[in-house]
Amino acid sequence: MGRRKRPEVVIAIRDRSRRSGVTRVVSALCDTEDVRLVCVYCGSSPGSRPEFADEARSLGRAIAEAGHGLVYGGGRIGLMGVVADAVLEAGGVVHGVIPEHLVRAETAHTGLSILDVVDSMHERKARMAELACGFVVMPGGFGTFDEAFEILTWNQLGLVRKPLVFLDGTGFYRPLLDALDHVVEAGFVSTEFRRIAAVADTAAAAVAIATGPAPDVPGKLAALDPTTKRSSL
């Protein structure tokens, strides 16, 4: 059997010669409805248990087999590299978004369909959120938590309406999910907004949630009275 041809690598690099100048080359694949991109947040480390990587491979295959693509942080190491390779090996499209300083640190995955190189971590998160139809959260550390909770907050405020699901077949997120329930019980998050953080035990279920409709909850900003600048919550 012949070796599968890797997708073309397209690198989009911000032009630093002009403060506002941007050189961005983006494949039409990811700008059409032909390929819906699922954003995966996960660790740049493999973790201490082999089942973390096993679940990442399952997720990558499930994304590709469902006819979707992946958008993620563009790394070649840890669970990030595992899920990207799994999508590519299954014939799927992968759009990586990575800050230039991580490219210089040689952590970028250069075998992707698209490698989108941006200036900062903030721009990376915004670009991934823009491209994604939904989000799957896998085991990771502070960076993964930051990304996931930002999307949860944006959904709560009504700034976006895109589904987010924790893939937790390994039980890694059970303590965090219990903490979210505690926050609800303590009165800092409503039961309605708690629905924004979905949970799935299998990769296929996670992909289905991430590519389906977001929970129908009113954004908190809708409760702001613009005449008084006070919240009615």
C-alpha atoms as a PDB file:
ATOM      1  CA  MET A   1       0.000   0.000   0.000  1.00  0.00           C
ATOM      2  CA  GLY A   2       1.413   3.396  -0.948  1.00  0.00           C
ATOM      3  CA  ARG A   3       2.120   5.978   1.673  1.00  0.00           C
ATOM      4  CA  ARG A   4      -0.749   8.406   2.153  1.00  0.00           C
ATOM      5  CA  LYS A   5       0.028  11.852   0.831  1.00  0.00           C
ATOM      6  CA  ARG A   6       0.116  14.548   3.471  1.00  0.00           C
ATOM      7  CA  PRO A   7      -2.174  17.539   2.981  1.00  0.00           C
ATOM      8  CA  GLU A   8      -0.582  20.679   1.648  1.00  0.00           C
ATOM      9  CA  VAL A   9       0.879  22.882   4.373  1.00  0.00           C
ATOM     10  CA  VAL A  10      -0.189  26.495   4.156  1.00  0.00           C
ATOM     11  CA  ILE A  11       1.580  28.863   6.527  1.00  0.00           C
ATOM     12  CA  ALA A  12      -0.017  32.202   7.323  1.00  0.00           C
ATOM     13  CA  ILE A  13       2.480  34.591   8.934  1.00  0.00           C
ATOM     14  CA  ARG A  14       1.754  38.076  10.185  1.00  0.00           C
ATOM     15  CA  ASP A  15       3.837  40.664   8.359  1.00  0.00           C
ATOM     16  CA  ARG A  16       5.810  42.551  10.994  1.00  0.00           C
ATOM     17  CA  SER A  17       7.105  45.139   8.518  1.00  0.00           C
ATOM     18  CA  ARG A  18       3.821  47.052   8.894  1.00  0.00           C
ATOM     19  CA  ARG A  19       2.074  47.428  12.225  1.00  0.00           C
ATOM     20  CA  SER A  20      -1.347  46.751  10.728  1.00  0.00           C
ATOM     21  CA  GLY A  21      -0.264  44.593   7.799  1.00  0.00           C
ATOM     22  CA  VAL A  22      -1.339  40.969   7.710  1.00  0.00           C
ATOM     23  CA  THR A  23      -0.378  38.300   5.256  1.00  0.00           C
ATOM     24  CA  ARG A  24      -2.825  35.466   5.718  1.00  0.00           C
ATOM     25  CA  VAL A  25      -3.305  32.543   3.357  1.00  0.00           C
ATOM     26  CA  VAL A  26      -6.296  30.412   4.279  1.00  0.00           C
ATOM     27  CA  SER A  27      -7.504  27.369   2.388  1.00  0.00           C
ATOM     28  CA  ALA A  28     -11.067  27.611   1.126  1.00  0.00           C
ATOM     29  CA  LEU A  29     -11.663  24.206   2.714  1.00  0.00           C
ATOM     30  CA  CYS A  30     -11.968  25.757   6.147  1.00  0.00           C
ATOM     31  CA  ASP A  31     -13.988  28.756   5.044  1.00  0.00           C
ATOM     32  CA  THR A  32     -16.890  26.821   3.578  1.00  0.00           C
ATOM     33  CA  GLU A  33     -19.606  24.589   4.966  1.00  0.00           C
ATOM     34  CA  ASP A  34     -17.982  21.615   3.246  1.00  0.00           C
ATOM     35  CA  VAL A  35     -15.799  21.043   6.301  1.00  0.00           C
ATOM     36  CA  ARG A  36     -16.968  21.982   9.788  1.00  0.00           C
ATOM     37  CA  LEU A  37     -14.091  22.432  12.204  1.00  0.00           C
ATOM     38  CA  VAL A  38     -14.229  21.010  15.714  1.00  0.00           C
ATOM     39  CA  CYS A  39     -11.898  22.814  18.112  1.00  0.00           C
ATOM     40  CA  VAL A  40     -10.068  20.558  20.565  1.00  0.00           C
ATOM     41  CA  TYR A  41      -8.469  21.932  23.712  1.00  0.00           C
ATOM     42  CA  CYS A  42      -5.971  19.552  25.298  1.00  0.00           C
ATOM     43  CA  GLY A  43      -2.540  19.310  26.892  1.00  0.00           C
ATOM     44  CA  SER A  44       0.831  19.792  25.250  1.00  0.00           C
ATOM     45  CA  SER A  45       1.959  16.932  27.500  1.00  0.00           C
ATOM     46  CA  PRO A  46       0.817  13.310  27.175  1.00  0.00           C
ATOM     47  CA  GLY A  47      -0.145  13.052  30.830  1.00  0.00           C
ATOM     48  CA  SER A  48       0.673  10.257  33.246  1.00  0.00           C
ATOM     49  CA  ARG A  49      -1.838   7.669  31.984  1.00  0.00           C
ATOM     50  CA  PRO A  50      -1.773   5.969  28.568  1.00  0.00           C
ATOM     51  CA  GLU A  51      -5.551   6.148  28.276  1.00  0.00           C
ATOM     52  CA  PHE A  52      -5.317   9.919  27.787  1.00  0.00           C
ATOM     53  CA  ALA A  53      -3.507   9.402  24.474  1.00  0.00           C
ATOM     54  CA  ASP A  54      -5.819   6.511  23.571  1.00  0.00           C
ATOM     55  CA  GLU A  55      -8.830   8.784  24.002  1.00  0.00           C
ATOM     56  CA  ALA A  56      -7.146  11.525  21.944  1.00  0.00           C
ATOM     57  CA  ARG A  57      -6.632   9.062  19.078  1.00  0.00           C
ATOM     58  CA  SER A  58     -10.256   7.981  19.312  1.00  0.00           C
ATOM     59  CA  LEU A  59     -11.380  11.599  19.185  1.00  0.00           C
ATOM     60  CA  GLY A  60      -9.242  12.353  16.141  1.00  0.00           C
ATOM     61  CA  ARG A  61     -10.631   9.359  14.274  1.00  0.00           C
ATOM     62  CA  ALA A  62     -14.199  10.230  15.277  1.00  0.00           C
ATOM     63  CA  ILE A  63     -13.823  13.794  13.980  1.00  0.00           C
ATOM     64  CA  ALA A  64     -12.537  12.623  10.597  1.00  0.00           C
ATOM     65  CA  GLU A  65     -14.994   9.737  10.270  1.00  0.00           C
ATOM     66  CA  ALA A  66     -17.884  12.136  10.889  1.00  0.00           C
ATOM     67  CA  GLY A  67     -16.663  14.215   7.942  1.00  0.00           C
ATOM     68  CA  HIS A  68     -15.425  17.122  10.045  1.00  0.00           C
ATOM     69  CA  GLY A  69     -12.036  18.790  10.447  1.00  0.00           C
ATOM     70  CA  LEU A  70      -9.957  19.784  13.437  1.00  0.00           C
ATOM     71  CA  VAL A  71      -8.833  23.209  14.583  1.00  0.00           C
ATOM     72  CA  TYR A  72      -6.420  23.226  17.508  1.00  0.00           C
ATOM     73  CA  GLY A  73      -3.319  24.893  18.907  1.00  0.00           C
ATOM     74  CA  GLY A  74      -0.941  23.698  16.192  1.00  0.00           C
ATOM     75  CA  GLY A  75       1.479  21.730  18.365  1.00  0.00           C
ATOM     76  CA  ARG A  76       3.202  18.466  17.528  1.00  0.00           C
ATOM     77  CA  ILE A  77       3.770  17.356  21.139  1.00  0.00           C
ATOM     78  CA  GLY A  78       1.596  15.859  23.862  1.00  0.00           C
ATOM     79  CA  LEU A  79      -2.091  15.141  23.366  1.00  0.00           C
ATOM     80  CA  MET A  80      -2.189  17.984  20.848  1.00  0.00           C
ATOM     81  CA  GLY A  81       0.054  16.061  18.474  1.00  0.00           C
ATOM     82  CA  VAL A  82      -1.781  12.807  19.094  1.00  0.00           C
ATOM     83  CA  VAL A  83      -5.215  14.123  18.166  1.00  0.00           C
ATOM     84  CA  ALA A  84      -3.886  15.991  15.112  1.00  0.00           C
ATOM     85  CA  ASP A  85      -2.069  12.929  13.788  1.00  0.00           C
ATOM     86  CA  ALA A  86      -5.162  10.792  14.305  1.00  0.00           C
ATOM     87  CA  VAL A  87      -7.287  13.163  12.219  1.00  0.00           C
ATOM     88  CA  LEU A  88      -4.667  13.298   9.448  1.00  0.00           C
ATOM     89  CA  GLU A  89      -4.208   9.516   9.410  1.00  0.00           C
ATOM     90  CA  ALA A  90      -7.978   9.134   9.000  1.00  0.00           C
ATOM     91  CA  GLY A  91      -7.911  11.490   6.005  1.00  0.00           C
ATOM     92  CA  GLY A  92      -9.235  14.575   7.754  1.00  0.00           C
ATOM     93  CA  VAL A  93      -8.364  18.272   7.545  1.00  0.00           C
ATOM     94  CA  VAL A  94      -6.380  19.873  10.377  1.00  0.00           C
ATOM     95  CA  HIS A  95      -6.032  23.630  10.853  1.00  0.00           C
ATOM     96  CA  GLY A  96      -3.428  24.536  13.479  1.00  0.00           C
ATOM     97  CA  VAL A  97      -3.177  27.988  15.046  1.00  0.00           C
ATOM     98  CA  ILE A  98       0.063  28.730  16.865  1.00  0.00           C
ATOM     99  CA  PRO A  99       1.907  31.825  18.136  1.00  0.00           C
ATOM    100  CA  GLU A 100       5.176  32.644  16.425  1.00  0.00           C
ATOM    101  CA  HIS A 101       7.203  32.236  19.621  1.00  0.00           C
ATOM    102  CA  LEU A 102       6.149  28.569  19.813  1.00  0.00           C
ATOM    103  CA  VAL A 103       7.165  28.080  16.186  1.00  0.00           C
ATOM    104  CA  ARG A 104      10.607  29.404  17.119  1.00  0.00           C
ATOM    105  CA  ALA A 105      10.645  26.925  20.006  1.00  0.00           C
ATOM    106  CA  GLU A 106      10.165  24.163  17.406  1.00  0.00           C
ATOM    107  CA  THR A 107       6.919  22.837  18.861  1.00  0.00           C
ATOM    108  CA  ALA A 108       4.811  23.479  15.737  1.00  0.00           C
ATOM    109  CA  HIS A 109       3.360  20.574  13.767  1.00  0.00           C
ATOM    110  CA  THR A 110       4.546  21.076  10.177  1.00  0.00           C
ATOM    111  CA  GLY A 111       2.483  18.283   8.629  1.00  0.00           C
ATOM    112  CA  LEU A 112      -0.911  19.956   8.935  1.00  0.00           C
ATOM    113  CA  SER A 113      -3.382  20.955   6.243  1.00  0.00           C
ATOM    114  CA  ILE A 114      -3.010  24.562   7.427  1.00  0.00           C
ATOM    115  CA  LEU A 115      -0.587  26.064   9.929  1.00  0.00           C
ATOM    116  CA  ASP A 116      -1.793  29.525  10.888  1.00  0.00           C
ATOM    117  CA  VAL A 117       0.997  31.455  12.637  1.00  0.00           C
ATOM    118  CA  VAL A 118      -0.194  34.404  14.725  1.00  0.00           C
ATOM    119  CA  ASP A 119       1.409  36.992  16.985  1.00  0.00           C
ATOM    120  CA  SER A 120       0.085  36.116  20.424  1.00  0.00           C
ATOM    121  CA  MET A 121      -1.718  33.617  22.626  1.00  0.00           C
ATOM    122  CA  HIS A 122      -4.734  35.944  22.659  1.00  0.00           C
ATOM    123  CA  GLU A 123      -4.885  35.995  18.877  1.00  0.00           C
ATOM    124  CA  ARG A 124      -4.522  32.216  18.822  1.00  0.00           C
ATOM    125  CA  LYS A 125      -7.567  31.728  21.061  1.00  0.00           C
ATOM    126  CA  ALA A 126      -9.659  34.228  19.125  1.00  0.00           C
ATOM    127  CA  ARG A 127      -8.767  32.628  15.784  1.00  0.00           C
ATOM    128  CA  MET A 128      -9.642  29.118  16.973  1.00  0.00           C
ATOM    129  CA  ALA A 129     -12.935  30.336  18.418  1.00  0.00           C
ATOM    130  CA  GLU A 130     -13.736  32.082  15.140  1.00  0.00           C
ATOM    131  CA  LEU A 131     -13.105  28.980  13.035  1.00  0.00           C
ATOM    132  CA  ALA A 132     -14.776  26.385  15.254  1.00  0.00           C
ATOM    133  CA  CYS A 133     -18.358  25.196  15.125  1.00  0.00           C
ATOM    134  CA  GLY A 134     -17.946  23.737  18.622  1.00  0.00           C
ATOM    135  CA  PHE A 135     -15.394  22.685  21.226  1.00  0.00           C
ATOM    136  CA  VAL A 136     -14.201  19.445  22.823  1.00  0.00           C
ATOM    137  CA  VAL A 137     -12.128  19.655  26.000  1.00  0.00           C
ATOM    138  CA  MET A 138      -9.691  16.843  26.760  1.00  0.00           C
ATOM    139  CA  PRO A 139      -7.236  16.434  29.657  1.00  0.00           C
ATOM    140  CA  GLY A 140      -4.768  19.283  29.998  1.00  0.00           C
ATOM    141  CA  GLY A 141      -3.409  21.902  32.361  1.00  0.00           C
ATOM    142  CA  PHE A 142      -3.735  25.630  32.937  1.00  0.00           C
ATOM    143  CA  GLY A 143      -3.793  26.521  29.232  1.00  0.00           C
ATOM    144  CA  THR A 144      -6.570  24.038  28.511  1.00  0.00           C
ATOM    145  CA  PHE A 145      -8.601  25.320  31.463  1.00  0.00           C
ATOM    146  CA  ASP A 146      -8.096  28.914  30.320  1.00  0.00           C
ATOM    147  CA  GLU A 147      -9.337  28.129  26.822  1.00  0.00           C
ATOM    148  CA  ALA A 148     -12.340  26.129  27.988  1.00  0.00           C
ATOM    149  CA  PHE A 149     -13.509  28.584  30.609  1.00  0.00           C
ATOM    150  CA  GLU A 150     -13.194  31.503  28.226  1.00  0.00           C
ATOM    151  CA  ILE A 151     -15.647  29.813  25.837  1.00  0.00           C
ATOM    152  CA  LEU A 152     -17.956  28.948  28.726  1.00  0.00           C
ATOM    153  CA  THR A 153     -17.884  32.600  29.809  1.00  0.00           C
ATOM    154  CA  TRP A 154     -18.507  33.898  26.284  1.00  0.00           C
ATOM    155  CA  ASN A 155     -21.515  31.568  25.985  1.00  0.00           C
ATOM    156  CA  GLN A 156     -22.798  32.692  29.372  1.00  0.00           C
ATOM    157  CA  LEU A 157     -22.551  36.337  28.361  1.00  0.00           C
ATOM    158  CA  GLY A 158     -24.180  35.648  25.008  1.00  0.00           C
ATOM    159  CA  LEU A 159     -21.111  36.720  23.019  1.00  0.00           C
ATOM    160  CA  VAL A 160     -21.072  33.373  21.218  1.00  0.00           C
ATOM    161  CA  ARG A 161     -23.444  30.449  20.986  1.00  0.00           C
ATOM    162  CA  LYS A 162     -21.298  27.414  20.301  1.00  0.00           C
ATOM    163  CA  PRO A 163     -21.412  24.068  22.125  1.00  0.00           C
ATOM    164  CA  LEU A 164     -18.620  22.959  24.451  1.00  0.00           C
ATOM    165  CA  VAL A 165     -18.242  19.434  25.781  1.00  0.00           C
ATOM    166  CA  PHE A 166     -15.801  17.806  28.184  1.00  0.00           C
ATOM    167  CA  LEU A 167     -14.745  14.403  26.850  1.00  0.00           C
ATOM    168  CA  ASP A 168     -14.314  12.475  30.075  1.00  0.00           C
ATOM    169  CA  GLY A 169     -14.197   8.781  29.362  1.00  0.00           C
ATOM    170  CA  THR A 170     -11.088   8.581  31.565  1.00  0.00           C
ATOM    171  CA  GLY A 171     -12.655  10.336  34.560  1.00  0.00           C
ATOM    172  CA  PHE A 172      -9.987  13.042  34.493  1.00  0.00           C
ATOM    173  CA  TYR A 173     -12.537  15.869  34.699  1.00  0.00           C
ATOM    174  CA  ARG A 174     -14.772  14.384  37.389  1.00  0.00           C
ATOM    175  CA  PRO A 175     -13.307  16.577  40.178  1.00  0.00           C
ATOM    176  CA  LEU A 176     -13.639  19.702  38.015  1.00  0.00           C
ATOM    177  CA  LEU A 177     -17.212  18.870  37.050  1.00  0.00           C
ATOM    178  CA  ASP A 178     -18.009  18.320  40.741  1.00  0.00           C
ATOM    179  CA  ALA A 179     -16.491  21.743  41.414  1.00  0.00           C
ATOM    180  CA  LEU A 180     -18.804  23.286  38.795  1.00  0.00           C
ATOM    181  CA  ASP A 181     -21.775  21.717  40.553  1.00  0.00           C
ATOM    182  CA  HIS A 182     -20.474  23.161  43.831  1.00  0.00           C
ATOM    183  CA  VAL A 183     -20.304  26.623  42.237  1.00  0.00           C
ATOM    184  CA  VAL A 184     -23.958  26.253  41.222  1.00  0.00           C
ATOM    185  CA  GLU A 185     -24.933  25.162  44.729  1.00  0.00           C
ATOM    186  CA  ALA A 186     -23.062  28.165  46.141  1.00  0.00           C
ATOM    187  CA  GLY A 187     -25.114  30.507  43.962  1.00  0.00           C
ATOM    188  CA  PHE A 188     -22.407  31.825  41.636  1.00  0.00           C
ATOM    189  CA  VAL A 189     -23.630  30.086  38.462  1.00  0.00           C
ATOM    190  CA  SER A 190     -27.256  29.368  37.662  1.00  0.00           C
ATOM    191  CA  THR A 191     -28.489  25.864  36.893  1.00  0.00           C
ATOM    192  CA  GLU A 192     -29.397  27.133  33.438  1.00  0.00           C
ATOM    193  CA  PHE A 193     -25.839  28.273  32.688  1.00  0.00           C
ATOM    194  CA  ARG A 194     -24.389  25.040  34.084  1.00  0.00           C
ATOM    195  CA  ARG A 195     -25.879  23.359  30.995  1.00  0.00           C
ATOM    196  CA  ILE A 196     -23.275  25.117  28.843  1.00  0.00           C
ATOM    197  CA  ALA A 197     -20.615  22.682  30.108  1.00  0.00           C
ATOM    198  CA  ALA A 198     -21.727  19.394  28.530  1.00  0.00           C
ATOM    199  CA  VAL A 199     -20.083  16.034  29.249  1.00  0.00           C
ATOM    200  CA  ALA A 200     -19.543  12.968  27.051  1.00  0.00           C
ATOM    201  CA  ASP A 201     -18.055   9.561  27.816  1.00  0.00           C
ATOM    202  CA  THR A 202     -17.151   8.622  24.236  1.00  0.00           C
ATOM    203  CA  ALA A 203     -15.411  10.370  21.377  1.00  0.00           C
ATOM    204  CA  ALA A 204     -18.369   9.887  19.025  1.00  0.00           C
ATOM    205  CA  ALA A 205     -20.759  11.416  21.540  1.00  0.00           C
ATOM    206  CA  ALA A 206     -18.416  14.373  22.071  1.00  0.00           C
ATOM    207  CA  VAL A 207     -18.211  15.054  18.334  1.00  0.00           C
ATOM    208  CA  ALA A 208     -22.000  14.870  18.031  1.00  0.00           C
ATOM    209  CA  ILE A 209     -22.419  17.429  20.814  1.00  0.00           C
ATOM    210  CA  ALA A 210     -19.701  19.741  19.478  1.00  0.00           C
ATOM    211  CA  THR A 211     -21.255  19.800  16.006  1.00  0.00           C
ATOM    212  CA  GLY A 212     -24.834  20.094  17.218  1.00  0.00           C
ATOM    213  CA  PRO A 213     -26.805  23.056  18.550  1.00  0.00           C
ATOM    214  CA  ALA A 214     -25.574  24.972  21.575  1.00  0.00           C
ATOM    215  CA  PRO A 215     -27.755  24.976  24.697  1.00  0.00           C
ATOM    216  CA  ASP A 216     -30.538  27.532  24.329  1.00  0.00           C
ATOM    217  CA  VAL A 217     -29.756  29.825  27.248  1.00  0.00           C
ATOM    218  CA  PRO A 218     -30.213  33.616  27.389  1.00  0.00           C
ATOM    219  CA  GLY A 219     -26.946  35.521  27.617  1.00  0.00           C
ATOM    220  CA  LYS A 220     -26.370  37.430  30.829  1.00  0.00           C
ATOM    221  CA  LEU A 221     -25.804  40.630  28.874  1.00  0.00           C
ATOM    222  CA  ALA A 222     -29.433  40.464  27.740  1.00  0.00           C
ATOM    223  CA  ALA A 223     -30.413  41.185  31.355  1.00  0.00           C
ATOM    224  CA  LEU A 224     -28.473  44.451  31.452  1.00  0.00           C
ATOM    225  CA  ASP A 225     -30.584  47.605  31.422  1.00  0.00           C
ATOM    226  CA  PRO A 226     -28.733  49.990  29.069  1.00  0.00           C
ATOM    227  CA  THR A 227     -30.495  53.024  30.584  1.00  0.00           C
ATOM    228  CA  THR A 228     -29.238  52.412  34.106  1.00  0.00           C
ATOM    229  CA  LYS A 229     -26.065  50.432  33.353  1.00  0.00           C
ATOM    230  CA  ARG A 230     -27.095  48.105  36.156  1.00  0.00           C
ATOM    231  CA  SER A 231     -27.696  44.392  35.968  1.00  0.00           C
ATOM    232  CA  SER A 232     -31.116  42.997  36.783  1.00  0.00           C
ATOM    233  CA  LEU A 233     -29.592  39.583  37.533  1.00  0.00           C
END
